[in-house]
Amino acid sequence: MGPSAASASGATGSVARHQPHLLITPFGEGDVIRVDTAVRRHLEKVLRIVAGTVTYTDGSGLIGEGEYDAGSIRRGTERIIRPPERLAVAVAPPHEVTRARFLVEKLAELAVTELVWLRTAHLEGRPPRPEKTAAWVRSAVEQSRGAWAMRVGGPVNLDEVASLGTPVFAEAGSPALSQLPALATPVLCVGPEGGFASGEIPEDALRIGLASTVLRVETAAISGAVLLRSR
């Protein structure tokens, strides 16, 4: 029997905590999803699940529940989850890989739709390799039981950010969120540890203050995303 469809929903519903949630792309055709060697090893060696119920997603809104057995998932009831409201974050990469990983995972858990790495005058770090960020996003989607995977791109220059939406620059001493106009597609822009260079932010750009203290890159990006999401 093939997978059965359910109506669209804005929530993934309640599932037992012990059930693994898997991001698998692509699904392919048919009633059975084959998992790769790394996923099978994690399920069977780490989680000690040889057979049982799992949930799964394609990272593009489809989420389902099926039965895992020996490297395959027999697809069951599936539904489509509405995408989160668009929110992009453009950030200068931290110079430490552990901080970059923390940044990627937390933004993905917060349902940020797109992360782009920024080139800035005071650039300190390099963007992580795409295969690393893909693995971090996967981990965040599976941990948060999400249905949409955050896209990661770049690096881009500041003058390219406007193509993603309306840039909002995180800058100490700027007005609070309450003074920011309503925006359909905000793009939170976070500079490197030393801040943006003089004249790097356009004079007429929107700015937002996040705290009374100076924040690290990843702290500013995460707290700014939370604040913009709250609107």
C-alpha atoms as a PDB file:
ATOM      1  CA  MET A   1       0.000   0.000   0.000  1.00  0.00           C
ATOM      2  CA  GLY A   2       1.413   3.401  -0.988  1.00  0.00           C
ATOM      3  CA  PRO A   3       1.792   6.518   1.144  1.00  0.00           C
ATOM      4  CA  SER A   4      -1.449   8.218   2.055  1.00  0.00           C
ATOM      5  CA  ALA A   5      -1.816  11.979   1.894  1.00  0.00           C
ATOM      6  CA  ALA A   6      -3.205  14.240   4.591  1.00  0.00           C
ATOM      7  CA  SER A   7      -4.360  17.836   4.476  1.00  0.00           C
ATOM      8  CA  ALA A   8      -1.893  20.707   4.745  1.00  0.00           C
ATOM      9  CA  SER A   9      -1.069  21.860   8.245  1.00  0.00           C
ATOM     10  CA  GLY A  10       0.971  24.512   9.986  1.00  0.00           C
ATOM     11  CA  ALA A  11       2.362  22.126  12.596  1.00  0.00           C
ATOM     12  CA  THR A  12       4.003  18.744  12.513  1.00  0.00           C
ATOM     13  CA  GLY A  13       1.763  17.292  15.209  1.00  0.00           C
ATOM     14  CA  SER A  14       2.844  15.356  18.253  1.00  0.00           C
ATOM     15  CA  VAL A  15       5.077  12.332  17.915  1.00  0.00           C
ATOM     16  CA  ALA A  16       6.790  10.140  20.425  1.00  0.00           C
ATOM     17  CA  ARG A  17      10.135  11.569  21.439  1.00  0.00           C
ATOM     18  CA  HIS A  18      11.966   8.306  20.892  1.00  0.00           C
ATOM     19  CA  GLN A  19      11.053   8.206  17.213  1.00  0.00           C
ATOM     20  CA  PRO A  20      13.953   9.315  14.989  1.00  0.00           C
ATOM     21  CA  HIS A  21      13.199  12.137  12.555  1.00  0.00           C
ATOM     22  CA  LEU A  22      15.140  11.935   9.286  1.00  0.00           C
ATOM     23  CA  LEU A  23      15.880  14.480   6.564  1.00  0.00           C
ATOM     24  CA  ILE A  24      16.193  12.475   3.350  1.00  0.00           C
ATOM     25  CA  THR A  25      16.760  13.995  -0.086  1.00  0.00           C
ATOM     26  CA  PRO A  26      15.804  12.989  -2.627  1.00  0.00           C
ATOM     27  CA  PHE A  27      13.007  10.548  -1.856  1.00  0.00           C
ATOM     28  CA  GLY A  28      12.876   8.966  -5.277  1.00  0.00           C
ATOM     29  CA  GLU A  29       9.838   7.116  -6.588  1.00  0.00           C
ATOM     30  CA  GLY A  30       7.832   4.326  -5.036  1.00  0.00           C
ATOM     31  CA  ASP A  31       6.610   3.314  -1.616  1.00  0.00           C
ATOM     32  CA  VAL A  32      10.056   2.646  -0.141  1.00  0.00           C
ATOM     33  CA  ILE A  33      12.777   5.139   0.786  1.00  0.00           C
ATOM     34  CA  ARG A  34      16.330   3.838   0.870  1.00  0.00           C
ATOM     35  CA  VAL A  35      18.592   5.445   3.465  1.00  0.00           C
ATOM     36  CA  ASP A  36      22.314   5.886   2.926  1.00  0.00           C
ATOM     37  CA  THR A  37      25.013   4.034   4.829  1.00  0.00           C
ATOM     38  CA  ALA A  38      25.682   6.869   7.299  1.00  0.00           C
ATOM     39  CA  VAL A  39      22.007   7.153   8.270  1.00  0.00           C
ATOM     40  CA  ARG A  40      21.670   3.402   8.648  1.00  0.00           C
ATOM     41  CA  ARG A  41      24.775   3.260  10.823  1.00  0.00           C
ATOM     42  CA  HIS A  42      23.421   6.029  13.055  1.00  0.00           C
ATOM     43  CA  LEU A  43      20.034   4.358  13.427  1.00  0.00           C
ATOM     44  CA  GLU A  44      21.304   0.862  14.065  1.00  0.00           C
ATOM     45  CA  LYS A  45      24.654   1.403  15.817  1.00  0.00           C
ATOM     46  CA  VAL A  46      24.067   4.629  17.734  1.00  0.00           C
ATOM     47  CA  LEU A  47      20.306   4.617  18.370  1.00  0.00           C
ATOM     48  CA  ARG A  48      20.103   0.805  18.293  1.00  0.00           C
ATOM     49  CA  ILE A  49      16.997   0.859  16.137  1.00  0.00           C
ATOM     50  CA  VAL A  50      16.974  -2.078  13.727  1.00  0.00           C
ATOM     51  CA  ALA A  51      13.255  -1.760  12.983  1.00  0.00           C
ATOM     52  CA  GLY A  52      10.485   0.560  14.075  1.00  0.00           C
ATOM     53  CA  THR A  53       8.516   3.702  13.377  1.00  0.00           C
ATOM     54  CA  VAL A  54      10.328   6.841  12.189  1.00  0.00           C
ATOM     55  CA  THR A  55       9.267  10.217  10.856  1.00  0.00           C
ATOM     56  CA  TYR A  56      10.899  11.698   7.780  1.00  0.00           C
ATOM     57  CA  THR A  57      10.953  14.817   5.630  1.00  0.00           C
ATOM     58  CA  ASP A  58      12.310  15.907   2.275  1.00  0.00           C
ATOM     59  CA  GLY A  59      13.215  19.337   3.670  1.00  0.00           C
ATOM     60  CA  SER A  60      10.753  21.007   1.300  1.00  0.00           C
ATOM     61  CA  GLY A  61       7.577  20.734   3.340  1.00  0.00           C
ATOM     62  CA  LEU A  62       6.664  17.060   3.032  1.00  0.00           C
ATOM     63  CA  ILE A  63       6.665  15.160   6.306  1.00  0.00           C
ATOM     64  CA  GLY A  64       5.580  11.592   6.941  1.00  0.00           C
ATOM     65  CA  GLU A  65       5.665   8.615   9.268  1.00  0.00           C
ATOM     66  CA  GLY A  66       6.809   5.204   8.139  1.00  0.00           C
ATOM     67  CA  GLU A  67       8.328   1.917   9.188  1.00  0.00           C
ATOM     68  CA  TYR A  68      12.096   1.467   9.144  1.00  0.00           C
ATOM     69  CA  ASP A  69      13.612  -1.949   8.555  1.00  0.00           C
ATOM     70  CA  ALA A  70      17.104  -2.921   7.404  1.00  0.00           C
ATOM     71  CA  GLY A  71      18.053   0.278   5.583  1.00  0.00           C
ATOM     72  CA  SER A  72      14.629   1.084   4.119  1.00  0.00           C
ATOM     73  CA  ILE A  73      11.582   3.088   5.150  1.00  0.00           C
ATOM     74  CA  ARG A  74       8.145   2.000   3.995  1.00  0.00           C
ATOM     75  CA  ARG A  75       6.276   5.248   3.490  1.00  0.00           C
ATOM     76  CA  GLY A  76       3.071   5.818   5.431  1.00  0.00           C
ATOM     77  CA  THR A  77       0.849   8.815   6.069  1.00  0.00           C
ATOM     78  CA  GLU A  78       2.325  12.016   4.656  1.00  0.00           C
ATOM     79  CA  ARG A  79       1.314  15.658   4.725  1.00  0.00           C
ATOM     80  CA  ILE A  80       2.545  19.026   3.507  1.00  0.00           C
ATOM     81  CA  ILE A  81       3.577  21.663   6.043  1.00  0.00           C
ATOM     82  CA  ARG A  82       3.223  25.322   5.148  1.00  0.00           C
ATOM     83  CA  PRO A  83       6.582  27.068   4.718  1.00  0.00           C
ATOM     84  CA  PRO A  84       7.664  29.473   7.458  1.00  0.00           C
ATOM     85  CA  GLU A  85       7.459  33.189   6.750  1.00  0.00           C
ATOM     86  CA  ARG A  86      10.519  34.233   4.813  1.00  0.00           C
ATOM     87  CA  LEU A  87      13.429  35.459   6.930  1.00  0.00           C
ATOM     88  CA  ALA A  88      16.982  35.633   5.652  1.00  0.00           C
ATOM     89  CA  VAL A  89      20.158  36.269   7.639  1.00  0.00           C
ATOM     90  CA  ALA A  90      23.337  37.583   6.011  1.00  0.00           C
ATOM     91  CA  VAL A  91      26.336  37.239   8.296  1.00  0.00           C
ATOM     92  CA  ALA A  92      30.105  37.525   8.177  1.00  0.00           C
ATOM     93  CA  PRO A  93      31.361  34.029   9.062  1.00  0.00           C
ATOM     94  CA  PRO A  94      33.012  33.561  12.482  1.00  0.00           C
ATOM     95  CA  HIS A  95      36.642  32.529  12.252  1.00  0.00           C
ATOM     96  CA  GLU A  96      36.143  29.412  14.410  1.00  0.00           C
ATOM     97  CA  VAL A  97      34.386  26.418  12.880  1.00  0.00           C
ATOM     98  CA  THR A  98      32.650  25.512  16.157  1.00  0.00           C
ATOM     99  CA  ARG A  99      31.045  28.949  16.283  1.00  0.00           C
ATOM    100  CA  ALA A 100      30.011  28.717  12.642  1.00  0.00           C
ATOM    101  CA  ARG A 101      28.392  25.364  13.324  1.00  0.00           C
ATOM    102  CA  PHE A 102      26.517  26.735  16.329  1.00  0.00           C
ATOM    103  CA  LEU A 103      25.291  29.646  14.203  1.00  0.00           C
ATOM    104  CA  VAL A 104      24.062  27.438  11.354  1.00  0.00           C
ATOM    105  CA  GLU A 105      22.325  24.907  13.593  1.00  0.00           C
ATOM    106  CA  LYS A 106      20.509  27.477  15.720  1.00  0.00           C
ATOM    107  CA  LEU A 107      19.296  29.542  12.759  1.00  0.00           C
ATOM    108  CA  ALA A 108      18.033  26.353  11.104  1.00  0.00           C
ATOM    109  CA  GLU A 109      16.203  25.343  14.307  1.00  0.00           C
ATOM    110  CA  LEU A 110      14.584  28.796  14.395  1.00  0.00           C
ATOM    111  CA  ALA A 111      13.167  28.235  10.885  1.00  0.00           C
ATOM    112  CA  VAL A 112      15.272  30.942   9.262  1.00  0.00           C
ATOM    113  CA  THR A 113      14.630  30.345   5.588  1.00  0.00           C
ATOM    114  CA  GLU A 114      17.992  31.399   4.183  1.00  0.00           C
ATOM    115  CA  LEU A 115      21.499  32.061   5.465  1.00  0.00           C
ATOM    116  CA  VAL A 116      24.049  33.786   3.258  1.00  0.00           C
ATOM    117  CA  TRP A 117      27.665  34.412   4.157  1.00  0.00           C
ATOM    118  CA  LEU A 118      28.784  38.025   3.819  1.00  0.00           C
ATOM    119  CA  ARG A 119      31.994  39.465   2.419  1.00  0.00           C
ATOM    120  CA  THR A 120      32.911  42.544   4.445  1.00  0.00           C
ATOM    121  CA  ALA A 121      35.851  44.935   4.668  1.00  0.00           C
ATOM    122  CA  HIS A 122      36.892  43.526   8.048  1.00  0.00           C
ATOM    123  CA  LEU A 123      36.287  39.899   7.129  1.00  0.00           C
ATOM    124  CA  GLU A 124      37.845  37.516   9.660  1.00  0.00           C
ATOM    125  CA  GLY A 125      36.551  34.025   8.924  1.00  0.00           C
ATOM    126  CA  ARG A 126      35.932  31.948   5.841  1.00  0.00           C
ATOM    127  CA  PRO A 127      32.584  30.375   4.951  1.00  0.00           C
ATOM    128  CA  PRO A 128      32.512  26.691   5.964  1.00  0.00           C
ATOM    129  CA  ARG A 129      32.556  24.146   3.179  1.00  0.00           C
ATOM    130  CA  PRO A 130      29.083  23.474   1.693  1.00  0.00           C
ATOM    131  CA  GLU A 131      29.164  19.822   2.737  1.00  0.00           C
ATOM    132  CA  LYS A 132      29.733  20.871   6.343  1.00  0.00           C
ATOM    133  CA  THR A 133      26.875  23.358   6.387  1.00  0.00           C
ATOM    134  CA  ALA A 134      24.581  20.805   4.727  1.00  0.00           C
ATOM    135  CA  ALA A 135      25.365  18.324   7.515  1.00  0.00           C
ATOM    136  CA  TRP A 136      24.723  20.965  10.191  1.00  0.00           C
ATOM    137  CA  VAL A 137      21.398  21.937   8.630  1.00  0.00           C
ATOM    138  CA  ARG A 138      20.412  18.273   8.448  1.00  0.00           C
ATOM    139  CA  SER A 139      21.222  17.804  12.124  1.00  0.00           C
ATOM    140  CA  ALA A 140      19.139  20.859  13.062  1.00  0.00           C
ATOM    141  CA  VAL A 141      16.125  19.780  11.003  1.00  0.00           C
ATOM    142  CA  GLU A 142      16.204  16.306  12.492  1.00  0.00           C
ATOM    143  CA  GLN A 143      16.668  17.579  16.049  1.00  0.00           C
ATOM    144  CA  SER A 144      13.857  20.152  15.736  1.00  0.00           C
ATOM    145  CA  ARG A 145      11.592  17.737  13.822  1.00  0.00           C
ATOM    146  CA  GLY A 146      11.200  20.320  11.082  1.00  0.00           C
ATOM    147  CA  ALA A 147       9.860  19.970   7.557  1.00  0.00           C
ATOM    148  CA  TRP A 148      11.786  22.786   5.859  1.00  0.00           C
ATOM    149  CA  ALA A 149      15.567  22.894   5.493  1.00  0.00           C
ATOM    150  CA  MET A 150      17.297  26.279   5.626  1.00  0.00           C
ATOM    151  CA  ARG A 151      19.126  27.233   2.444  1.00  0.00           C
ATOM    152  CA  VAL A 152      22.758  28.324   2.776  1.00  0.00           C
ATOM    153  CA  GLY A 153      24.553  30.378   0.133  1.00  0.00           C
ATOM    154  CA  GLY A 154      27.205  32.967  -0.546  1.00  0.00           C
ATOM    155  CA  PRO A 155      29.556  34.514   0.028  1.00  0.00           C
ATOM    156  CA  VAL A 156      27.982  37.716  -1.297  1.00  0.00           C
ATOM    157  CA  ASN A 157      28.864  41.390  -1.135  1.00  0.00           C
ATOM    158  CA  LEU A 158      26.733  43.829   0.822  1.00  0.00           C
ATOM    159  CA  ASP A 159      25.364  45.390  -2.354  1.00  0.00           C
ATOM    160  CA  GLU A 160      23.936  41.983  -3.337  1.00  0.00           C
ATOM    161  CA  VAL A 161      21.914  41.515  -0.153  1.00  0.00           C
ATOM    162  CA  ALA A 162      19.038  43.707  -1.354  1.00  0.00           C
ATOM    163  CA  SER A 163      18.152  41.040  -3.923  1.00  0.00           C
ATOM    164  CA  LEU A 164      17.042  38.831  -1.005  1.00  0.00           C
ATOM    165  CA  GLY A 165      14.757  41.393   0.648  1.00  0.00           C
ATOM    166  CA  THR A 166      15.044  44.525   2.793  1.00  0.00           C
ATOM    167  CA  PRO A 167      18.390  44.698   4.606  1.00  0.00           C
ATOM    168  CA  VAL A 168      18.273  45.449   8.349  1.00  0.00           C
ATOM    169  CA  PHE A 169      21.694  46.021   9.895  1.00  0.00           C
ATOM    170  CA  ALA A 170      22.444  44.919  13.454  1.00  0.00           C
ATOM    171  CA  GLU A 171      24.352  47.832  14.960  1.00  0.00           C
ATOM    172  CA  ALA A 172      24.975  48.742  18.593  1.00  0.00           C
ATOM    173  CA  GLY A 173      23.171  51.889  19.691  1.00  0.00           C
ATOM    174  CA  SER A 174      20.550  51.701  16.948  1.00  0.00           C
ATOM    175  CA  PRO A 175      16.771  51.928  17.570  1.00  0.00           C
ATOM    176  CA  ALA A 176      14.981  48.962  19.094  1.00  0.00           C
ATOM    177  CA  LEU A 177      12.820  46.542  17.130  1.00  0.00           C
ATOM    178  CA  SER A 178       9.644  48.421  18.081  1.00  0.00           C
ATOM    179  CA  GLN A 179      10.785  51.369  15.976  1.00  0.00           C
ATOM    180  CA  LEU A 180      11.412  49.260  12.883  1.00  0.00           C
ATOM    181  CA  PRO A 181       8.722  49.474  10.180  1.00  0.00           C
ATOM    182  CA  ALA A 182       6.842  46.325   9.198  1.00  0.00           C
ATOM    183  CA  LEU A 183       8.774  44.427   6.526  1.00  0.00           C
ATOM    184  CA  ALA A 184       7.545  41.637   4.258  1.00  0.00           C
ATOM    185  CA  THR A 185      10.979  40.096   3.627  1.00  0.00           C
ATOM    186  CA  PRO A 186      13.595  41.316   6.121  1.00  0.00           C
ATOM    187  CA  VAL A 187      17.253  40.345   5.749  1.00  0.00           C
ATOM    188  CA  LEU A 188      19.166  40.635   9.003  1.00  0.00           C
ATOM    189  CA  CYS A 189      22.748  41.731   8.283  1.00  0.00           C
ATOM    190  CA  VAL A 190      25.422  40.989  10.879  1.00  0.00           C
ATOM    191  CA  GLY A 191      29.001  42.146  10.441  1.00  0.00           C
ATOM    192  CA  PRO A 192      32.283  40.633  11.664  1.00  0.00           C
ATOM    193  CA  GLU A 193      33.690  40.903  15.193  1.00  0.00           C
ATOM    194  CA  GLY A 194      35.152  44.337  14.491  1.00  0.00           C
ATOM    195  CA  GLY A 195      31.913  45.602  13.031  1.00  0.00           C
ATOM    196  CA  PHE A 196      31.224  47.009   9.605  1.00  0.00           C
ATOM    197  CA  ALA A 197      33.812  49.437   8.233  1.00  0.00           C
ATOM    198  CA  SER A 198      33.088  53.166   8.218  1.00  0.00           C
ATOM    199  CA  GLY A 199      30.836  53.956   5.279  1.00  0.00           C
ATOM    200  CA  GLU A 200      30.156  50.275   4.553  1.00  0.00           C
ATOM    201  CA  ILE A 201      26.505  50.532   5.624  1.00  0.00           C
ATOM    202  CA  PRO A 202      24.442  52.788   3.345  1.00  0.00           C
ATOM    203  CA  GLU A 203      23.347  56.040   5.023  1.00  0.00           C
ATOM    204  CA  ASP A 204      19.644  55.325   4.462  1.00  0.00           C
ATOM    205  CA  ALA A 205      19.825  51.690   5.628  1.00  0.00           C
ATOM    206  CA  LEU A 206      17.526  50.360   8.346  1.00  0.00           C
ATOM    207  CA  ARG A 207      19.320  49.592  11.599  1.00  0.00           C
ATOM    208  CA  ILE A 208      18.335  47.620  14.691  1.00  0.00           C
ATOM    209  CA  GLY A 209      19.860  47.548  18.159  1.00  0.00           C
ATOM    210  CA  LEU A 210      19.873  44.111  19.773  1.00  0.00           C
ATOM    211  CA  ALA A 211      21.339  44.671  23.236  1.00  0.00           C
ATOM    212  CA  SER A 212      23.053  47.191  25.463  1.00  0.00           C
ATOM    213  CA  THR A 213      26.229  45.116  25.219  1.00  0.00           C
ATOM    214  CA  VAL A 214      28.487  44.171  22.305  1.00  0.00           C
ATOM    215  CA  LEU A 215      27.448  40.780  20.972  1.00  0.00           C
ATOM    216  CA  ARG A 216      29.424  38.090  19.229  1.00  0.00           C
ATOM    217  CA  VAL A 217      28.555  37.433  15.597  1.00  0.00           C
ATOM    218  CA  GLU A 218      26.567  34.268  16.296  1.00  0.00           C
ATOM    219  CA  THR A 219      24.783  35.806  19.300  1.00  0.00           C
ATOM    220  CA  ALA A 220      23.725  38.833  17.253  1.00  0.00           C
ATOM    221  CA  ALA A 221      22.501  36.675  14.370  1.00  0.00           C
ATOM    222  CA  ILE A 222      20.478  34.333  16.592  1.00  0.00           C
ATOM    223  CA  SER A 223      18.969  37.025  18.844  1.00  0.00           C
ATOM    224  CA  GLY A 224      18.176  39.208  15.840  1.00  0.00           C
ATOM    225  CA  ALA A 225      16.444  36.309  14.094  1.00  0.00           C
ATOM    226  CA  VAL A 226      14.381  35.637  17.229  1.00  0.00           C
ATOM    227  CA  LEU A 227      13.328  39.284  17.457  1.00  0.00           C
ATOM    228  CA  LEU A 228      12.359  39.510  13.787  1.00  0.00           C
ATOM    229  CA  ARG A 229      10.511  36.187  14.007  1.00  0.00           C
ATOM    230  CA  SER A 230       8.528  37.515  16.979  1.00  0.00           C
ATOM    231  CA  ARG A 231       6.985  40.169  14.749  1.00  0.00           C
END
